[in-house]
């Protein structure tokens, strides 16, 4: 099977929203009047972002989900995406499952595959996603203000616990591991929540490298500080699945603060918009939890289990940090 037959069999579909889709040198997108394009790119590399034996269907789902999560953090609606795919070989069974996972999520969010590239090489997945957002309404990292509440969606830390278990550093019952592994390998992009937060949230981003590190981007670009009550984050993780409350609180605290691969939203909003935030969560069927507040004083302060400031510091993931 050659490159172009591979594309035709597994990835070419009739254009729907795109003016021109797969099959020409360029795809053509036309955002609606009054809308701005939102564009993001993410790459997944075997051995760095996923295990070699990761289920192909879940991998297809995740490859697109991590990009859709960026659109969610911007409050954008998906339009389409391109796929650059390096493969060690044309394994038809693997490609079929990968395409099913990828395109099922694409169809669920009306986001069509409009082009890309394939080549032979170590397994590497690179997606560029395109969305649209009303002009001037995009959620940014730079809008947080002192006094704002600090929120997260879902339950940060579950993916980190799954990774710890899969690497043999944590022993979990099979049912619990299966539930956590699903959060690691098939995250849910919070698109509906992101769009519902337009006009409510003052800043937002998605959690890919860990709460502390990612929140730092909001603090830097908004020129503010923050306080997190780790009693809230730890309790949120402990209560999210049966059996997690039996794990050491220190492990749960570290997973919520420095874990990665959650693809939840972290956002800020004024205190007088709390009911609006909760309503956005209900409308999007997404749990939202206030975990702290934004402060004028720069830096990040963590309240521990006794209500005192923690002195420990955890580093979020950095691809180029010394290890």
C-alpha atoms as a PDB file:
ATOM      1  CA  UNK A   1       0.000   0.000   0.000  1.00  0.00           C
ATOM      2  CA  UNK A   2       1.488   3.326  -1.099  1.00  0.00           C
ATOM      3  CA  UNK A   3       1.257   6.722   0.574  1.00  0.00           C
ATOM      4  CA  UNK A   4      -1.639   8.051  -1.499  1.00  0.00           C
ATOM      5  CA  UNK A   5      -3.652   4.853  -1.270  1.00  0.00           C
ATOM      6  CA  UNK A   6      -3.121   4.988   2.517  1.00  0.00           C
ATOM      7  CA  UNK A   7      -4.549   8.511   2.602  1.00  0.00           C
ATOM      8  CA  UNK A   8      -7.502   7.585   0.379  1.00  0.00           C
ATOM      9  CA  UNK A   9      -8.384   4.445   2.346  1.00  0.00           C
ATOM     10  CA  UNK A  10      -8.107   5.780   5.873  1.00  0.00           C
ATOM     11  CA  UNK A  11      -8.295   9.574   5.874  1.00  0.00           C
ATOM     12  CA  UNK A  12      -9.899  11.042   2.730  1.00  0.00           C
ATOM     13  CA  UNK A  13     -13.537  12.114   3.181  1.00  0.00           C
ATOM     14  CA  UNK A  14     -15.838  14.478   1.280  1.00  0.00           C
ATOM     15  CA  UNK A  15     -15.456  18.121   2.345  1.00  0.00           C
ATOM     16  CA  UNK A  16     -18.324  19.380   4.506  1.00  0.00           C
ATOM     17  CA  UNK A  17     -17.634  22.803   6.009  1.00  0.00           C
ATOM     18  CA  UNK A  18     -14.307  23.370   4.249  1.00  0.00           C
ATOM     19  CA  UNK A  19     -14.433  25.077   0.868  1.00  0.00           C
ATOM     20  CA  UNK A  20     -11.774  22.604  -0.270  1.00  0.00           C
ATOM     21  CA  UNK A  21     -10.535  19.610   1.702  1.00  0.00           C
ATOM     22  CA  UNK A  22      -8.163  16.656   1.235  1.00  0.00           C
ATOM     23  CA  UNK A  23      -6.785  16.176  -2.274  1.00  0.00           C
ATOM     24  CA  UNK A  24      -5.315  19.535  -3.342  1.00  0.00           C
ATOM     25  CA  UNK A  25      -2.113  21.327  -2.414  1.00  0.00           C
ATOM     26  CA  UNK A  26      -3.983  23.469   0.127  1.00  0.00           C
ATOM     27  CA  UNK A  27      -7.272  23.208   1.987  1.00  0.00           C
ATOM     28  CA  UNK A  28      -9.551  26.225   2.061  1.00  0.00           C
ATOM     29  CA  UNK A  29     -11.460  27.349   5.162  1.00  0.00           C
ATOM     30  CA  UNK A  30     -13.913  30.236   5.362  1.00  0.00           C
ATOM     31  CA  UNK A  31     -14.781  31.361   8.907  1.00  0.00           C
ATOM     32  CA  UNK A  32     -18.177  32.983   9.353  1.00  0.00           C
ATOM     33  CA  UNK A  33     -18.432  36.786   9.150  1.00  0.00           C
ATOM     34  CA  UNK A  34     -17.350  38.473  12.376  1.00  0.00           C
ATOM     35  CA  UNK A  35     -15.300  35.468  13.460  1.00  0.00           C
ATOM     36  CA  UNK A  36     -11.554  35.102  13.986  1.00  0.00           C
ATOM     37  CA  UNK A  37      -9.533  31.968  13.237  1.00  0.00           C
ATOM     38  CA  UNK A  38      -8.071  30.137  16.240  1.00  0.00           C
ATOM     39  CA  UNK A  39      -5.143  27.881  15.266  1.00  0.00           C
ATOM     40  CA  UNK A  40      -3.078  25.469  17.372  1.00  0.00           C
ATOM     41  CA  UNK A  41      -0.573  22.664  16.768  1.00  0.00           C
ATOM     42  CA  UNK A  42       0.421  19.751  19.007  1.00  0.00           C
ATOM     43  CA  UNK A  43       2.720  16.800  18.395  1.00  0.00           C
ATOM     44  CA  UNK A  44       2.675  13.350  20.007  1.00  0.00           C
ATOM     45  CA  UNK A  45       5.876  11.285  19.797  1.00  0.00           C
ATOM     46  CA  UNK A  46       6.083   7.586  20.637  1.00  0.00           C
ATOM     47  CA  UNK A  47       8.129   6.992  23.771  1.00  0.00           C
ATOM     48  CA  UNK A  48       7.757  10.611  24.835  1.00  0.00           C
ATOM     49  CA  UNK A  49       4.012  11.200  24.903  1.00  0.00           C
ATOM     50  CA  UNK A  50       2.639   7.662  24.711  1.00  0.00           C
ATOM     51  CA  UNK A  51       3.719   4.061  25.215  1.00  0.00           C
ATOM     52  CA  UNK A  52       4.494   1.923  22.171  1.00  0.00           C
ATOM     53  CA  UNK A  53       1.636  -0.460  23.007  1.00  0.00           C
ATOM     54  CA  UNK A  54      -1.016   2.241  23.446  1.00  0.00           C
ATOM     55  CA  UNK A  55      -4.322   1.199  21.883  1.00  0.00           C
ATOM     56  CA  UNK A  56      -4.429   2.653  18.363  1.00  0.00           C
ATOM     57  CA  UNK A  57      -8.034   3.817  18.601  1.00  0.00           C
ATOM     58  CA  UNK A  58      -7.337   5.684  21.834  1.00  0.00           C
ATOM     59  CA  UNK A  59      -4.215   7.159  20.306  1.00  0.00           C
ATOM     60  CA  UNK A  60      -6.217   8.527  17.388  1.00  0.00           C
ATOM     61  CA  UNK A  61      -8.673  10.039  19.864  1.00  0.00           C
ATOM     62  CA  UNK A  62      -5.942  11.619  21.982  1.00  0.00           C
ATOM     63  CA  UNK A  63      -4.004  13.023  19.036  1.00  0.00           C
ATOM     64  CA  UNK A  64      -7.003  15.186  18.161  1.00  0.00           C
ATOM     65  CA  UNK A  65      -8.251  15.698  21.729  1.00  0.00           C
ATOM     66  CA  UNK A  66      -5.114  17.506  22.881  1.00  0.00           C
ATOM     67  CA  UNK A  67      -5.511  19.971  20.010  1.00  0.00           C
ATOM     68  CA  UNK A  68      -9.230  20.467  20.571  1.00  0.00           C
ATOM     69  CA  UNK A  69      -8.380  21.211  24.201  1.00  0.00           C
ATOM     70  CA  UNK A  70      -6.407  24.246  23.033  1.00  0.00           C
ATOM     71  CA  UNK A  71      -9.469  25.491  21.153  1.00  0.00           C
ATOM     72  CA  UNK A  72     -11.536  24.912  24.298  1.00  0.00           C
ATOM     73  CA  UNK A  73      -9.149  27.066  26.337  1.00  0.00           C
ATOM     74  CA  UNK A  74      -9.631  29.851  23.792  1.00  0.00           C
ATOM     75  CA  UNK A  75     -13.432  29.521  23.769  1.00  0.00           C
ATOM     76  CA  UNK A  76     -13.345  28.567  20.089  1.00  0.00           C
ATOM     77  CA  UNK A  77     -15.565  26.254  18.029  1.00  0.00           C
ATOM     78  CA  UNK A  78     -13.730  23.655  15.885  1.00  0.00           C
ATOM     79  CA  UNK A  79     -13.738  23.921  12.098  1.00  0.00           C
ATOM     80  CA  UNK A  80     -11.145  21.488  10.776  1.00  0.00           C
ATOM     81  CA  UNK A  81      -7.681  20.002  11.214  1.00  0.00           C
ATOM     82  CA  UNK A  82      -4.664  18.696   9.338  1.00  0.00           C
ATOM     83  CA  UNK A  83      -2.746  15.535  10.207  1.00  0.00           C
ATOM     84  CA  UNK A  84       0.989  14.984   9.678  1.00  0.00           C
ATOM     85  CA  UNK A  85       1.705  11.322  10.315  1.00  0.00           C
ATOM     86  CA  UNK A  86       5.093   9.558  10.398  1.00  0.00           C
ATOM     87  CA  UNK A  87       4.729   5.757  10.389  1.00  0.00           C
ATOM     88  CA  UNK A  88       7.317   2.986  10.692  1.00  0.00           C
ATOM     89  CA  UNK A  89       5.180   0.981   8.240  1.00  0.00           C
ATOM     90  CA  UNK A  90       1.715   0.799   6.669  1.00  0.00           C
ATOM     91  CA  UNK A  91       0.030  -1.507   9.198  1.00  0.00           C
ATOM     92  CA  UNK A  92      -3.543  -1.658   7.904  1.00  0.00           C
ATOM     93  CA  UNK A  93      -5.092  -2.990  11.112  1.00  0.00           C
ATOM     94  CA  UNK A  94      -3.378  -0.292  13.207  1.00  0.00           C
ATOM     95  CA  UNK A  95      -4.308   2.441  10.713  1.00  0.00           C
ATOM     96  CA  UNK A  96      -7.931   1.339  10.705  1.00  0.00           C
ATOM     97  CA  UNK A  97      -8.209   1.572  14.481  1.00  0.00           C
ATOM     98  CA  UNK A  98      -6.272   4.835  14.646  1.00  0.00           C
ATOM     99  CA  UNK A  99      -8.507   6.413  12.009  1.00  0.00           C
ATOM    100  CA  UNK A 100     -11.659   5.214  13.787  1.00  0.00           C
ATOM    101  CA  UNK A 101     -10.610   6.852  17.054  1.00  0.00           C
ATOM    102  CA  UNK A 102      -9.460  10.027  15.334  1.00  0.00           C
ATOM    103  CA  UNK A 103     -12.502  10.483  13.111  1.00  0.00           C
ATOM    104  CA  UNK A 104     -15.059   9.502  15.751  1.00  0.00           C
ATOM    105  CA  UNK A 105     -13.899  12.403  17.925  1.00  0.00           C
ATOM    106  CA  UNK A 106     -13.729  14.668  14.869  1.00  0.00           C
ATOM    107  CA  UNK A 107     -17.325  13.826  13.964  1.00  0.00           C
ATOM    108  CA  UNK A 108     -18.481  14.321  17.564  1.00  0.00           C
ATOM    109  CA  UNK A 109     -17.272  17.927  17.394  1.00  0.00           C
ATOM    110  CA  UNK A 110     -17.984  18.574  13.696  1.00  0.00           C
ATOM    111  CA  UNK A 111     -14.297  19.100  12.993  1.00  0.00           C
ATOM    112  CA  UNK A 112     -13.282  17.767   9.590  1.00  0.00           C
ATOM    113  CA  UNK A 113      -9.921  16.469   8.418  1.00  0.00           C
ATOM    114  CA  UNK A 114      -8.901  18.805   5.597  1.00  0.00           C
ATOM    115  CA  UNK A 115      -5.320  17.801   4.731  1.00  0.00           C
ATOM    116  CA  UNK A 116      -1.885  16.852   5.992  1.00  0.00           C
ATOM    117  CA  UNK A 117       1.071  14.648   5.127  1.00  0.00           C
ATOM    118  CA  UNK A 118       2.371  11.111   5.628  1.00  0.00           C
ATOM    119  CA  UNK A 119       5.922   9.770   5.633  1.00  0.00           C
ATOM    120  CA  UNK A 120       7.921   6.780   6.842  1.00  0.00           C
ATOM    121  CA  UNK A 121       9.737   7.179  10.150  1.00  0.00           C
ATOM    122  CA  UNK A 122       9.410   6.709  13.916  1.00  0.00           C
ATOM    123  CA  UNK A 123       5.765   7.018  14.974  1.00  0.00           C
ATOM    124  CA  UNK A 124       4.979  10.713  15.269  1.00  0.00           C
ATOM    125  CA  UNK A 125       1.568  12.408  15.155  1.00  0.00           C
ATOM    126  CA  UNK A 126       1.266  16.131  14.516  1.00  0.00           C
ATOM    127  CA  UNK A 127      -2.118  17.855  14.223  1.00  0.00           C
ATOM    128  CA  UNK A 128      -2.922  21.465  13.469  1.00  0.00           C
ATOM    129  CA  UNK A 129      -6.470  22.415  14.389  1.00  0.00           C
ATOM    130  CA  UNK A 130      -8.503  25.388  13.195  1.00  0.00           C
ATOM    131  CA  UNK A 131     -11.443  26.945  14.995  1.00  0.00           C
ATOM    132  CA  UNK A 132     -13.431  30.138  15.045  1.00  0.00           C
ATOM    133  CA  UNK A 133     -14.313  32.533  17.834  1.00  0.00           C
ATOM    134  CA  UNK A 134     -16.260  35.800  17.742  1.00  0.00           C
ATOM    135  CA  UNK A 135     -13.908  38.734  17.225  1.00  0.00           C
ATOM    136  CA  UNK A 136     -12.747  40.118  20.557  1.00  0.00           C
ATOM    137  CA  UNK A 137     -14.263  37.265  22.617  1.00  0.00           C
ATOM    138  CA  UNK A 138     -11.376  34.772  22.715  1.00  0.00           C
ATOM    139  CA  UNK A 139     -10.325  33.621  26.189  1.00  0.00           C
ATOM    140  CA  UNK A 140      -6.687  34.581  26.768  1.00  0.00           C
ATOM    141  CA  UNK A 141      -4.010  33.964  29.385  1.00  0.00           C
ATOM    142  CA  UNK A 142      -3.509  37.666  29.985  1.00  0.00           C
ATOM    143  CA  UNK A 143      -6.841  38.737  31.502  1.00  0.00           C
ATOM    144  CA  UNK A 144      -6.653  37.596  35.157  1.00  0.00           C
ATOM    145  CA  UNK A 145      -7.100  40.283  37.822  1.00  0.00           C
ATOM    146  CA  UNK A 146      -6.405  40.416  41.551  1.00  0.00           C
ATOM    147  CA  UNK A 147      -9.484  39.212  43.400  1.00  0.00           C
ATOM    148  CA  UNK A 148     -10.575  36.770  40.680  1.00  0.00           C
ATOM    149  CA  UNK A 149     -11.532  33.238  41.664  1.00  0.00           C
ATOM    150  CA  UNK A 150      -9.321  30.435  40.334  1.00  0.00           C
ATOM    151  CA  UNK A 151     -11.188  27.440  38.865  1.00  0.00           C
ATOM    152  CA  UNK A 152     -10.476  24.056  37.297  1.00  0.00           C
ATOM    153  CA  UNK A 153     -12.704  21.749  35.323  1.00  0.00           C
ATOM    154  CA  UNK A 154     -12.970  18.026  35.897  1.00  0.00           C
ATOM    155  CA  UNK A 155     -10.377  16.419  38.132  1.00  0.00           C
ATOM    156  CA  UNK A 156      -6.694  17.213  37.556  1.00  0.00           C
ATOM    157  CA  UNK A 157      -4.307  14.502  38.709  1.00  0.00           C
ATOM    158  CA  UNK A 158      -6.007  11.376  37.383  1.00  0.00           C
ATOM    159  CA  UNK A 159      -3.744  11.078  34.346  1.00  0.00           C
ATOM    160  CA  UNK A 160      -0.622  11.410  36.512  1.00  0.00           C
ATOM    161  CA  UNK A 161      -1.759   8.562  38.767  1.00  0.00           C
ATOM    162  CA  UNK A 162      -2.345   6.382  35.708  1.00  0.00           C
ATOM    163  CA  UNK A 163       1.156   7.142  34.444  1.00  0.00           C
ATOM    164  CA  UNK A 164       2.678   6.320  37.838  1.00  0.00           C
ATOM    165  CA  UNK A 165       0.889   2.951  37.814  1.00  0.00           C
ATOM    166  CA  UNK A 166       1.788   2.114  34.204  1.00  0.00           C
ATOM    167  CA  UNK A 167       5.440   2.881  34.949  1.00  0.00           C
ATOM    168  CA  UNK A 168       5.333   0.451  37.891  1.00  0.00           C
ATOM    169  CA  UNK A 169       5.687   3.110  40.567  1.00  0.00           C
ATOM    170  CA  UNK A 170       2.182   2.665  41.989  1.00  0.00           C
ATOM    171  CA  UNK A 171       0.081  -0.459  42.518  1.00  0.00           C
ATOM    172  CA  UNK A 172      -3.646  -0.029  41.866  1.00  0.00           C
ATOM    173  CA  UNK A 173      -6.575  -2.442  41.574  1.00  0.00           C
ATOM    174  CA  UNK A 174      -7.288  -3.316  37.912  1.00  0.00           C
ATOM    175  CA  UNK A 175     -10.669  -1.565  37.802  1.00  0.00           C
ATOM    176  CA  UNK A 176      -9.257   1.647  39.245  1.00  0.00           C
ATOM    177  CA  UNK A 177      -6.235   1.545  36.937  1.00  0.00           C
ATOM    178  CA  UNK A 178      -8.541   1.024  33.952  1.00  0.00           C
ATOM    179  CA  UNK A 179     -10.590   4.100  34.832  1.00  0.00           C
ATOM    180  CA  UNK A 180      -7.489   6.244  35.331  1.00  0.00           C
ATOM    181  CA  UNK A 181      -5.844   4.917  32.170  1.00  0.00           C
ATOM    182  CA  UNK A 182      -8.897   5.980  30.175  1.00  0.00           C
ATOM    183  CA  UNK A 183      -8.386   9.543  31.436  1.00  0.00           C
ATOM    184  CA  UNK A 184      -4.713   9.407  30.394  1.00  0.00           C
ATOM    185  CA  UNK A 185      -5.245   7.872  26.963  1.00  0.00           C
ATOM    186  CA  UNK A 186      -8.636   9.343  25.996  1.00  0.00           C
ATOM    187  CA  UNK A 187      -9.014  12.802  27.546  1.00  0.00           C
ATOM    188  CA  UNK A 188     -12.186  14.840  27.041  1.00  0.00           C
ATOM    189  CA  UNK A 189     -11.655  18.234  25.361  1.00  0.00           C
ATOM    190  CA  UNK A 190     -13.824  20.758  27.255  1.00  0.00           C
ATOM    191  CA  UNK A 191     -15.081  22.551  24.169  1.00  0.00           C
ATOM    192  CA  UNK A 192     -18.623  23.194  25.379  1.00  0.00           C
ATOM    193  CA  UNK A 193     -17.346  24.632  28.657  1.00  0.00           C
ATOM    194  CA  UNK A 194     -14.816  26.874  26.918  1.00  0.00           C
ATOM    195  CA  UNK A 195     -17.484  28.343  24.666  1.00  0.00           C
ATOM    196  CA  UNK A 196     -19.881  28.768  27.612  1.00  0.00           C
ATOM    197  CA  UNK A 197     -17.207  30.715  29.525  1.00  0.00           C
ATOM    198  CA  UNK A 198     -16.876  33.412  26.864  1.00  0.00           C
ATOM    199  CA  UNK A 199     -17.821  36.692  28.501  1.00  0.00           C
ATOM    200  CA  UNK A 200     -17.538  35.128  31.977  1.00  0.00           C
ATOM    201  CA  UNK A 201     -13.948  33.962  32.456  1.00  0.00           C
ATOM    202  CA  UNK A 202     -11.243  36.612  32.603  1.00  0.00           C
ATOM    203  CA  UNK A 203      -8.473  34.208  31.519  1.00  0.00           C
ATOM    204  CA  UNK A 204      -8.081  30.536  30.652  1.00  0.00           C
ATOM    205  CA  UNK A 205      -5.721  27.807  29.464  1.00  0.00           C
ATOM    206  CA  UNK A 206      -5.723  24.032  29.290  1.00  0.00           C
ATOM    207  CA  UNK A 207      -3.743  21.817  31.653  1.00  0.00           C
ATOM    208  CA  UNK A 208      -1.238  19.768  29.684  1.00  0.00           C
ATOM    209  CA  UNK A 209       1.989  19.977  31.701  1.00  0.00           C
ATOM    210  CA  UNK A 210       0.640  20.294  35.246  1.00  0.00           C
ATOM    211  CA  UNK A 211      -1.426  22.814  37.205  1.00  0.00           C
ATOM    212  CA  UNK A 212       1.476  24.717  38.771  1.00  0.00           C
ATOM    213  CA  UNK A 213       3.463  25.145  35.575  1.00  0.00           C
ATOM    214  CA  UNK A 214       0.496  25.921  33.356  1.00  0.00           C
ATOM    215  CA  UNK A 215      -1.041  28.362  35.834  1.00  0.00           C
ATOM    216  CA  UNK A 216       2.320  30.112  35.838  1.00  0.00           C
ATOM    217  CA  UNK A 217       1.642  31.177  32.242  1.00  0.00           C
ATOM    218  CA  UNK A 218      -1.534  32.994  33.319  1.00  0.00           C
ATOM    219  CA  UNK A 219       0.271  34.632  36.231  1.00  0.00           C
ATOM    220  CA  UNK A 220       3.159  35.768  34.046  1.00  0.00           C
ATOM    221  CA  UNK A 221       1.054  37.123  31.218  1.00  0.00           C
ATOM    222  CA  UNK A 222      -1.500  38.733  33.564  1.00  0.00           C
ATOM    223  CA  UNK A 223       1.242  40.051  35.901  1.00  0.00           C
ATOM    224  CA  UNK A 224      -0.458  38.750  39.030  1.00  0.00           C
ATOM    225  CA  UNK A 225       0.031  36.069  41.681  1.00  0.00           C
ATOM    226  CA  UNK A 226      -2.216  33.330  43.049  1.00  0.00           C
ATOM    227  CA  UNK A 227      -3.090  31.287  46.095  1.00  0.00           C
ATOM    228  CA  UNK A 228      -4.190  27.651  45.782  1.00  0.00           C
ATOM    229  CA  UNK A 229      -5.842  25.765  48.619  1.00  0.00           C
ATOM    230  CA  UNK A 230      -4.438  22.276  48.133  1.00  0.00           C
ATOM    231  CA  UNK A 231      -7.093  20.907  50.462  1.00  0.00           C
ATOM    232  CA  UNK A 232      -9.578  21.545  47.643  1.00  0.00           C
ATOM    233  CA  UNK A 233      -7.438  20.020  44.885  1.00  0.00           C
ATOM    234  CA  UNK A 234      -6.501  16.968  46.936  1.00  0.00           C
ATOM    235  CA  UNK A 235     -10.076  16.342  48.095  1.00  0.00           C
ATOM    236  CA  UNK A 236     -11.298  16.690  44.513  1.00  0.00           C
ATOM    237  CA  UNK A 237      -8.959  13.939  43.315  1.00  0.00           C
ATOM    238  CA  UNK A 238      -9.525  11.709  46.344  1.00  0.00           C
ATOM    239  CA  UNK A 239     -13.297  11.728  45.814  1.00  0.00           C
ATOM    240  CA  UNK A 240     -13.277  11.365  42.027  1.00  0.00           C
ATOM    241  CA  UNK A 241     -13.088   7.557  41.873  1.00  0.00           C
ATOM    242  CA  UNK A 242     -13.686   4.811  44.465  1.00  0.00           C
ATOM    243  CA  UNK A 243     -10.388   3.774  46.037  1.00  0.00           C
ATOM    244  CA  UNK A 244      -8.416   6.958  45.464  1.00  0.00           C
ATOM    245  CA  UNK A 245      -9.131   8.156  48.993  1.00  0.00           C
ATOM    246  CA  UNK A 246      -6.946   5.260  50.224  1.00  0.00           C
ATOM    247  CA  UNK A 247      -3.836   6.688  48.540  1.00  0.00           C
ATOM    248  CA  UNK A 248      -1.402   8.855  50.544  1.00  0.00           C
ATOM    249  CA  UNK A 249      -2.525  12.508  50.612  1.00  0.00           C
ATOM    250  CA  UNK A 250       0.998  13.592  49.654  1.00  0.00           C
ATOM    251  CA  UNK A 251       0.778  11.547  46.446  1.00  0.00           C
ATOM    252  CA  UNK A 252      -2.642  12.978  45.612  1.00  0.00           C
ATOM    253  CA  UNK A 253      -1.415  16.514  46.270  1.00  0.00           C
ATOM    254  CA  UNK A 254       1.594  16.047  43.998  1.00  0.00           C
ATOM    255  CA  UNK A 255      -0.548  14.486  41.243  1.00  0.00           C
ATOM    256  CA  UNK A 256      -2.961  17.422  41.222  1.00  0.00           C
ATOM    257  CA  UNK A 257      -0.268  20.093  41.304  1.00  0.00           C
ATOM    258  CA  UNK A 258       2.478  18.687  39.084  1.00  0.00           C
ATOM    259  CA  UNK A 259       0.793  15.975  37.021  1.00  0.00           C
ATOM    260  CA  UNK A 260       0.308  16.416  33.292  1.00  0.00           C
ATOM    261  CA  UNK A 261      -1.927  15.155  30.466  1.00  0.00           C
ATOM    262  CA  UNK A 262      -5.179  16.215  32.161  1.00  0.00           C
ATOM    263  CA  UNK A 263      -6.405  18.519  29.372  1.00  0.00           C
ATOM    264  CA  UNK A 264      -8.811  20.158  31.778  1.00  0.00           C
ATOM    265  CA  UNK A 265      -9.377  23.910  31.783  1.00  0.00           C
ATOM    266  CA  UNK A 266      -7.877  26.235  34.370  1.00  0.00           C
ATOM    267  CA  UNK A 267      -9.546  29.640  34.350  1.00  0.00           C
ATOM    268  CA  UNK A 268     -10.241  32.750  36.380  1.00  0.00           C
ATOM    269  CA  UNK A 269     -13.417  34.758  36.845  1.00  0.00           C
ATOM    270  CA  UNK A 270     -14.577  37.644  39.073  1.00  0.00           C
ATOM    271  CA  UNK A 271     -16.280  36.580  42.330  1.00  0.00           C
ATOM    272  CA  UNK A 272     -19.577  38.120  41.208  1.00  0.00           C
ATOM    273  CA  UNK A 273     -19.642  35.642  38.281  1.00  0.00           C
ATOM    274  CA  UNK A 274     -19.592  32.512  40.435  1.00  0.00           C
ATOM    275  CA  UNK A 275     -23.166  31.578  39.612  1.00  0.00           C
ATOM    276  CA  UNK A 276     -22.494  32.203  35.930  1.00  0.00           C
ATOM    277  CA  UNK A 277     -19.465  29.890  36.094  1.00  0.00           C
ATOM    278  CA  UNK A 278     -21.541  27.186  37.778  1.00  0.00           C
ATOM    279  CA  UNK A 279     -24.262  27.656  35.155  1.00  0.00           C
ATOM    280  CA  UNK A 280     -21.642  27.265  32.394  1.00  0.00           C
ATOM    281  CA  UNK A 281     -20.512  24.038  34.048  1.00  0.00           C
ATOM    282  CA  UNK A 282     -24.068  22.716  34.203  1.00  0.00           C
ATOM    283  CA  UNK A 283     -24.815  23.737  30.620  1.00  0.00           C
ATOM    284  CA  UNK A 284     -21.727  21.899  29.385  1.00  0.00           C
ATOM    285  CA  UNK A 285     -22.161  18.912  31.742  1.00  0.00           C
ATOM    286  CA  UNK A 286     -18.707  19.613  33.180  1.00  0.00           C
ATOM    287  CA  UNK A 287     -17.813  19.800  36.860  1.00  0.00           C
ATOM    288  CA  UNK A 288     -16.061  23.034  37.848  1.00  0.00           C
ATOM    289  CA  UNK A 289     -14.343  23.678  41.190  1.00  0.00           C
ATOM    290  CA  UNK A 290     -12.951  26.853  42.723  1.00  0.00           C
ATOM    291  CA  UNK A 291      -9.483  26.043  44.091  1.00  0.00           C
ATOM    292  CA  UNK A 292      -8.091  29.442  45.028  1.00  0.00           C
ATOM    293  CA  UNK A 293      -7.818  33.076  44.079  1.00  0.00           C
ATOM    294  CA  UNK A 294      -5.734  35.551  42.105  1.00  0.00           C
ATOM    295  CA  UNK A 295      -3.682  38.034  44.115  1.00  0.00           C
ATOM    296  CA  UNK A 296      -1.881  41.264  43.274  1.00  0.00           C
ATOM    297  CA  UNK A 297       1.331  40.036  44.887  1.00  0.00           C
ATOM    298  CA  UNK A 298       3.386  38.109  42.346  1.00  0.00           C
ATOM    299  CA  UNK A 299       4.225  34.463  42.947  1.00  0.00           C
ATOM    300  CA  UNK A 300       2.272  31.323  43.752  1.00  0.00           C
ATOM    301  CA  UNK A 301       1.326  30.393  47.318  1.00  0.00           C
ATOM    302  CA  UNK A 302       0.029  26.968  48.343  1.00  0.00           C
ATOM    303  CA  UNK A 303      -2.070  26.302  51.424  1.00  0.00           C
ATOM    304  CA  UNK A 304      -1.376  22.871  52.913  1.00  0.00           C
ATOM    305  CA  UNK A 305      -3.631  20.452  54.800  1.00  0.00           C
ATOM    306  CA  UNK A 306      -3.278  22.412  58.051  1.00  0.00           C
ATOM    307  CA  UNK A 307      -4.079  25.722  56.395  1.00  0.00           C
ATOM    308  CA  UNK A 308      -0.460  26.917  56.557  1.00  0.00           C
ATOM    309  CA  UNK A 309       1.726  27.734  53.602  1.00  0.00           C
ATOM    310  CA  UNK A 310       3.583  24.818  52.035  1.00  0.00           C
ATOM    311  CA  UNK A 311       7.305  25.186  51.517  1.00  0.00           C
ATOM    312  CA  UNK A 312       7.581  22.270  49.059  1.00  0.00           C
ATOM    313  CA  UNK A 313       7.711  23.071  45.368  1.00  0.00           C
ATOM    314  CA  UNK A 314       6.964  20.737  42.493  1.00  0.00           C
ATOM    315  CA  UNK A 315       8.031  21.180  38.881  1.00  0.00           C
ATOM    316  CA  UNK A 316       5.630  20.608  36.017  1.00  0.00           C
ATOM    317  CA  UNK A 317       6.730  18.780  32.896  1.00  0.00           C
ATOM    318  CA  UNK A 318       9.308  20.445  30.668  1.00  0.00           C
ATOM    319  CA  UNK A 319      10.529  18.609  27.532  1.00  0.00           C
ATOM    320  CA  UNK A 320      13.960  20.229  27.668  1.00  0.00           C
ATOM    321  CA  UNK A 321      14.610  20.362  31.402  1.00  0.00           C
ATOM    322  CA  UNK A 322      17.655  18.440  32.597  1.00  0.00           C
ATOM    323  CA  UNK A 323      16.703  14.990  33.892  1.00  0.00           C
END
